[in-house]
Amino acid sequence: MAGYSPSDLDKIILDMFTLKRGGSAAAEILPEAEVCKLCDMAKEILQREDNVKAVKTPVIVVGDVHGQFFDLLELFEIGGKPPFHNYLFLGDYVDRGYYSLDCVLLLVALKVRYPDRIALTRGNHECRQITQVYGFYDECLRVHGTTNVWKHFTDLFDYLPLAAIVDDAIFCPHGGL
């Protein structure tokens, strides 16, 4: 499968980090076919990971992002951007907030670019049923005009580890599972 080069991923990530408040730019940065390609690349990486992801310290552990894209950007400003810092995200990337696509797009791009620095686990909102009720489905349909992006992301969610264990000592599942 032809994927993105590291420089292509760097551009996507930089474009996401430099977004300004005022609206989702997910469709402008990556059109539907490109989002699907990124999801496929992430699936290949996640297939090789354990269902309980081993994570080493130092690591910054992050709970529910819920589509709060500009809060996510602020978190990276305070904690430091990858690849200089390790992150463990404990799920619930989508729904409720206005920028679920932007959040999940940035996190997946970071995972593909820095697979050993970004750990993503599955929250209770990373499933088809809940995303159809709490907004991610509608956002994908509104932004891209089809449900293909939603289908690719929800397929990707099936590959996410269910929990992480930090330094073989701290068990980190999502609280809603």
C-alpha atoms as a PDB file:
ATOM      1  CA  MET A   1       0.000   0.000   0.000  1.00  0.00           C
ATOM      2  CA  ALA A   2       1.327   3.403  -0.927  1.00  0.00           C
ATOM      3  CA  GLY A   3       1.311   5.636   2.098  1.00  0.00           C
ATOM      4  CA  TYR A   4       2.578   8.981   3.204  1.00  0.00           C
ATOM      5  CA  SER A   5       6.261   9.769   3.417  1.00  0.00           C
ATOM      6  CA  PRO A   6       7.573  11.217   6.694  1.00  0.00           C
ATOM      7  CA  SER A   7       7.719  14.662   5.060  1.00  0.00           C
ATOM      8  CA  ASP A   8       4.079  14.329   3.911  1.00  0.00           C
ATOM      9  CA  LEU A   9       3.072  13.445   7.471  1.00  0.00           C
ATOM     10  CA  ASP A  10       5.118  16.336   8.842  1.00  0.00           C
ATOM     11  CA  LYS A  11       3.214  18.729   6.571  1.00  0.00           C
ATOM     12  CA  ILE A  12      -0.176  17.347   7.640  1.00  0.00           C
ATOM     13  CA  ILE A  13       0.813  17.630  11.303  1.00  0.00           C
ATOM     14  CA  LEU A  14       2.197  21.152  10.878  1.00  0.00           C
ATOM     15  CA  ASP A  15      -0.961  22.236   9.048  1.00  0.00           C
ATOM     16  CA  MET A  16      -3.071  20.841  11.904  1.00  0.00           C
ATOM     17  CA  PHE A  17      -0.929  22.524  14.568  1.00  0.00           C
ATOM     18  CA  THR A  18      -1.253  25.890  12.844  1.00  0.00           C
ATOM     19  CA  LEU A  19      -5.057  25.883  12.525  1.00  0.00           C
ATOM     20  CA  LYS A  20      -6.788  28.983  13.766  1.00  0.00           C
ATOM     21  CA  ARG A  21     -10.028  29.115  15.706  1.00  0.00           C
ATOM     22  CA  GLY A  22     -13.182  29.497  13.691  1.00  0.00           C
ATOM     23  CA  GLY A  23     -13.966  26.246  11.964  1.00  0.00           C
ATOM     24  CA  SER A  24     -12.887  22.775  11.063  1.00  0.00           C
ATOM     25  CA  ALA A  25     -10.182  22.521   8.458  1.00  0.00           C
ATOM     26  CA  ALA A  26     -10.101  18.727   8.336  1.00  0.00           C
ATOM     27  CA  ALA A  27     -11.506  18.599   4.794  1.00  0.00           C
ATOM     28  CA  GLU A  28      -9.115  21.245   3.485  1.00  0.00           C
ATOM     29  CA  ILE A  29      -6.035  19.577   4.965  1.00  0.00           C
ATOM     30  CA  LEU A  30      -6.980  16.051   3.960  1.00  0.00           C
ATOM     31  CA  PRO A  31      -9.760  15.221   1.525  1.00  0.00           C
ATOM     32  CA  GLU A  32     -11.739  12.020   1.973  1.00  0.00           C
ATOM     33  CA  ALA A  33      -9.454   9.693   0.009  1.00  0.00           C
ATOM     34  CA  GLU A  34      -6.413  10.942   1.916  1.00  0.00           C
ATOM     35  CA  VAL A  35      -8.113  10.464   5.299  1.00  0.00           C
ATOM     36  CA  CYS A  36      -8.943   6.893   4.311  1.00  0.00           C
ATOM     37  CA  LYS A  37      -5.300   6.291   3.333  1.00  0.00           C
ATOM     38  CA  LEU A  38      -4.125   7.631   6.703  1.00  0.00           C
ATOM     39  CA  CYS A  39      -6.590   5.346   8.520  1.00  0.00           C
ATOM     40  CA  ASP A  40      -5.263   2.353   6.575  1.00  0.00           C
ATOM     41  CA  MET A  41      -1.690   3.235   7.531  1.00  0.00           C
ATOM     42  CA  ALA A  42      -2.699   3.514  11.191  1.00  0.00           C
ATOM     43  CA  LYS A  43      -4.432   0.119  11.045  1.00  0.00           C
ATOM     44  CA  GLU A  44      -1.207  -1.484   9.859  1.00  0.00           C
ATOM     45  CA  ILE A  45       0.622  -0.037  12.866  1.00  0.00           C
ATOM     46  CA  LEU A  46      -2.094  -0.925  15.374  1.00  0.00           C
ATOM     47  CA  GLN A  47      -2.296  -4.516  14.108  1.00  0.00           C
ATOM     48  CA  ARG A  48       1.233  -5.043  15.403  1.00  0.00           C
ATOM     49  CA  GLU A  49       0.474  -3.659  18.881  1.00  0.00           C
ATOM     50  CA  ASP A  50      -0.765  -5.665  21.839  1.00  0.00           C
ATOM     51  CA  ASN A  51      -4.324  -5.309  23.100  1.00  0.00           C
ATOM     52  CA  VAL A  52      -2.815  -3.904  26.310  1.00  0.00           C
ATOM     53  CA  LYS A  53      -0.181  -1.451  25.112  1.00  0.00           C
ATOM     54  CA  ALA A  54       3.069  -1.340  27.076  1.00  0.00           C
ATOM     55  CA  VAL A  55       4.187   2.249  27.649  1.00  0.00           C
ATOM     56  CA  LYS A  56       7.387   3.475  29.296  1.00  0.00           C
ATOM     57  CA  THR A  57       7.889   6.625  31.330  1.00  0.00           C
ATOM     58  CA  PRO A  58       8.293   9.487  30.999  1.00  0.00           C
ATOM     59  CA  VAL A  59       4.841   9.839  29.436  1.00  0.00           C
ATOM     60  CA  ILE A  60       2.066  12.420  29.505  1.00  0.00           C
ATOM     61  CA  VAL A  61      -1.284  10.698  30.071  1.00  0.00           C
ATOM     62  CA  VAL A  62      -4.349  12.386  28.560  1.00  0.00           C
ATOM     63  CA  GLY A  63      -8.001  11.587  29.172  1.00  0.00           C
ATOM     64  CA  ASP A  64     -11.073  12.452  27.134  1.00  0.00           C
ATOM     65  CA  VAL A  65     -10.462  14.980  24.363  1.00  0.00           C
ATOM     66  CA  HIS A  66     -14.039  14.791  22.991  1.00  0.00           C
ATOM     67  CA  GLY A  67     -13.539  16.957  19.931  1.00  0.00           C
ATOM     68  CA  GLN A  68     -12.036  19.889  21.844  1.00  0.00           C
ATOM     69  CA  PHE A  69      -9.389  20.538  19.221  1.00  0.00           C
ATOM     70  CA  PHE A  70      -8.082  23.855  20.477  1.00  0.00           C
ATOM     71  CA  ASP A  71      -7.748  22.407  23.987  1.00  0.00           C
ATOM     72  CA  LEU A  72      -5.736  19.573  22.434  1.00  0.00           C
ATOM     73  CA  LEU A  73      -3.452  22.102  20.736  1.00  0.00           C
ATOM     74  CA  GLU A  74      -3.034  23.912  24.066  1.00  0.00           C
ATOM     75  CA  LEU A  75      -2.158  20.618  25.733  1.00  0.00           C
ATOM     76  CA  PHE A  76       0.647  20.114  23.217  1.00  0.00           C
ATOM     77  CA  GLU A  77       1.823  23.701  23.788  1.00  0.00           C
ATOM     78  CA  ILE A  78       2.048  23.108  27.539  1.00  0.00           C
ATOM     79  CA  GLY A  79       3.309  19.502  27.493  1.00  0.00           C
ATOM     80  CA  GLY A  80       5.483  19.766  24.401  1.00  0.00           C
ATOM     81  CA  LYS A  81       4.975  18.441  20.919  1.00  0.00           C
ATOM     82  CA  PRO A  82       5.898  14.998  19.669  1.00  0.00           C
ATOM     83  CA  PRO A  83       8.430  13.574  18.978  1.00  0.00           C
ATOM     84  CA  PHE A  84      10.109  15.308  21.914  1.00  0.00           C
ATOM     85  CA  HIS A  85       7.584  13.983  24.447  1.00  0.00           C
ATOM     86  CA  ASN A  86       5.683  10.710  24.814  1.00  0.00           C
ATOM     87  CA  TYR A  87       1.905  10.709  25.053  1.00  0.00           C
ATOM     88  CA  LEU A  88      -0.693   8.147  26.105  1.00  0.00           C
ATOM     89  CA  PHE A  89      -4.247   9.054  25.097  1.00  0.00           C
ATOM     90  CA  LEU A  90      -6.954   7.076  26.896  1.00  0.00           C
ATOM     91  CA  GLY A  91      -9.750   7.304  24.340  1.00  0.00           C
ATOM     92  CA  ASP A  92     -12.819   9.434  23.703  1.00  0.00           C
ATOM     93  CA  TYR A  93     -11.237  11.484  20.929  1.00  0.00           C
ATOM     94  CA  VAL A  94     -14.558  12.181  19.226  1.00  0.00           C
ATOM     95  CA  ASP A  95     -18.132  13.282  19.990  1.00  0.00           C
ATOM     96  CA  ARG A  96     -19.584  16.126  22.004  1.00  0.00           C
ATOM     97  CA  GLY A  97     -17.093  18.791  20.817  1.00  0.00           C
ATOM     98  CA  TYR A  98     -17.264  20.668  17.527  1.00  0.00           C
ATOM     99  CA  TYR A  99     -13.926  19.466  16.142  1.00  0.00           C
ATOM    100  CA  SER A 100     -13.895  15.684  16.463  1.00  0.00           C
ATOM    101  CA  LEU A 101     -12.525  15.211  12.952  1.00  0.00           C
ATOM    102  CA  ASP A 102      -9.670  17.614  13.599  1.00  0.00           C
ATOM    103  CA  CYS A 103      -8.813  15.887  16.897  1.00  0.00           C
ATOM    104  CA  VAL A 104      -8.820  12.365  15.581  1.00  0.00           C
ATOM    105  CA  LEU A 105      -7.063  13.369  12.361  1.00  0.00           C
ATOM    106  CA  LEU A 106      -4.205  15.011  14.265  1.00  0.00           C
ATOM    107  CA  LEU A 107      -3.864  12.123  16.721  1.00  0.00           C
ATOM    108  CA  VAL A 108      -3.885   9.477  13.984  1.00  0.00           C
ATOM    109  CA  ALA A 109      -1.355  11.442  11.919  1.00  0.00           C
ATOM    110  CA  LEU A 110       0.870  11.684  15.000  1.00  0.00           C
ATOM    111  CA  LYS A 111       0.479   7.959  15.652  1.00  0.00           C
ATOM    112  CA  VAL A 112       1.471   7.098  12.081  1.00  0.00           C
ATOM    113  CA  ARG A 113       4.418   9.510  12.109  1.00  0.00           C
ATOM    114  CA  TYR A 114       5.654   8.669  15.629  1.00  0.00           C
ATOM    115  CA  PRO A 115       4.302   5.199  16.478  1.00  0.00           C
ATOM    116  CA  ASP A 116       6.665   4.745  19.436  1.00  0.00           C
ATOM    117  CA  ARG A 117       5.910   8.181  20.918  1.00  0.00           C
ATOM    118  CA  ILE A 118       2.099   8.248  20.670  1.00  0.00           C
ATOM    119  CA  ALA A 119      -0.074   5.574  22.277  1.00  0.00           C
ATOM    120  CA  LEU A 120      -3.792   5.592  21.559  1.00  0.00           C
ATOM    121  CA  THR A 121      -6.289   3.390  23.392  1.00  0.00           C
ATOM    122  CA  ARG A 122      -9.983   2.893  22.845  1.00  0.00           C
ATOM    123  CA  GLY A 123     -12.632   4.736  24.805  1.00  0.00           C
ATOM    124  CA  ASN A 124     -16.344   4.026  24.898  1.00  0.00           C
ATOM    125  CA  HIS A 125     -16.931   6.703  22.225  1.00  0.00           C
ATOM    126  CA  GLU A 126     -14.717   4.877  19.720  1.00  0.00           C
ATOM    127  CA  CYS A 127     -17.568   2.706  18.480  1.00  0.00           C
ATOM    128  CA  ARG A 128     -20.164   2.944  15.750  1.00  0.00           C
ATOM    129  CA  GLN A 129     -23.266   3.157  17.932  1.00  0.00           C
ATOM    130  CA  ILE A 130     -22.137   5.963  20.222  1.00  0.00           C
ATOM    131  CA  THR A 131     -20.655   8.086  17.419  1.00  0.00           C
ATOM    132  CA  GLN A 132     -24.028   7.991  15.665  1.00  0.00           C
ATOM    133  CA  VAL A 133     -25.702   9.520  18.716  1.00  0.00           C
ATOM    134  CA  TYR A 134     -23.145  12.032  20.030  1.00  0.00           C
ATOM    135  CA  GLY A 135     -22.023  13.822  16.887  1.00  0.00           C
ATOM    136  CA  PHE A 136     -19.020  12.265  15.128  1.00  0.00           C
ATOM    137  CA  TYR A 137     -21.156  10.592  12.460  1.00  0.00           C
ATOM    138  CA  ASP A 138     -22.983  13.858  11.724  1.00  0.00           C
ATOM    139  CA  GLU A 139     -19.722  15.836  11.630  1.00  0.00           C
ATOM    140  CA  CYS A 140     -18.178  13.420   9.105  1.00  0.00           C
ATOM    141  CA  LEU A 141     -21.298  13.615   6.950  1.00  0.00           C
ATOM    142  CA  ARG A 142     -21.396  17.440   7.168  1.00  0.00           C
ATOM    143  CA  VAL A 143     -17.694  17.961   6.437  1.00  0.00           C
ATOM    144  CA  HIS A 144     -17.177  15.314   3.743  1.00  0.00           C
ATOM    145  CA  GLY A 145     -20.702  14.852   2.376  1.00  0.00           C
ATOM    146  CA  THR A 146     -20.546  11.058   2.777  1.00  0.00           C
ATOM    147  CA  THR A 147     -20.152   8.539   5.558  1.00  0.00           C
ATOM    148  CA  ASN A 148     -16.955   7.020   4.104  1.00  0.00           C
ATOM    149  CA  VAL A 149     -14.633   8.902   6.473  1.00  0.00           C
ATOM    150  CA  TRP A 150     -16.792   7.860   9.446  1.00  0.00           C
ATOM    151  CA  LYS A 151     -16.666   4.233   8.270  1.00  0.00           C
ATOM    152  CA  HIS A 152     -12.872   4.337   7.932  1.00  0.00           C
ATOM    153  CA  PHE A 153     -12.398   5.858  11.375  1.00  0.00           C
ATOM    154  CA  THR A 154     -14.818   3.472  13.066  1.00  0.00           C
ATOM    155  CA  ASP A 155     -13.057   0.555  11.361  1.00  0.00           C
ATOM    156  CA  LEU A 156      -9.764   1.973  12.671  1.00  0.00           C
ATOM    157  CA  PHE A 157     -11.234   2.234  16.187  1.00  0.00           C
ATOM    158  CA  ASP A 158     -11.696  -1.553  16.150  1.00  0.00           C
ATOM    159  CA  TYR A 159      -7.891  -1.878  16.079  1.00  0.00           C
ATOM    160  CA  LEU A 160      -7.183   0.369  19.075  1.00  0.00           C
ATOM    161  CA  PRO A 161      -5.792  -1.320  22.194  1.00  0.00           C
ATOM    162  CA  LEU A 162      -8.268  -1.550  25.062  1.00  0.00           C
ATOM    163  CA  ALA A 163      -5.821  -0.320  27.695  1.00  0.00           C
ATOM    164  CA  ALA A 164      -2.203   0.512  28.403  1.00  0.00           C
ATOM    165  CA  ILE A 165       0.181  -0.461  31.156  1.00  0.00           C
ATOM    166  CA  VAL A 166       2.817   2.077  32.150  1.00  0.00           C
ATOM    167  CA  ASP A 167       6.180   0.660  33.273  1.00  0.00           C
ATOM    168  CA  ASP A 168       4.580  -2.737  33.913  1.00  0.00           C
ATOM    169  CA  ALA A 169       2.965  -1.206  36.987  1.00  0.00           C
ATOM    170  CA  ILE A 170       0.135   1.240  36.213  1.00  0.00           C
ATOM    171  CA  PHE A 171      -2.919  -0.149  34.398  1.00  0.00           C
ATOM    172  CA  CYS A 172      -4.616   2.516  32.269  1.00  0.00           C
ATOM    173  CA  PRO A 173      -7.991   1.660  30.723  1.00  0.00           C
ATOM    174  CA  HIS A 174     -10.533   4.243  29.660  1.00  0.00           C
ATOM    175  CA  GLY A 175     -12.967   4.905  32.492  1.00  0.00           C
ATOM    176  CA  GLY A 176     -16.065   4.267  30.364  1.00  0.00           C
ATOM    177  CA  LEU A 177     -15.199   0.732  29.257  1.00  0.00           C
END
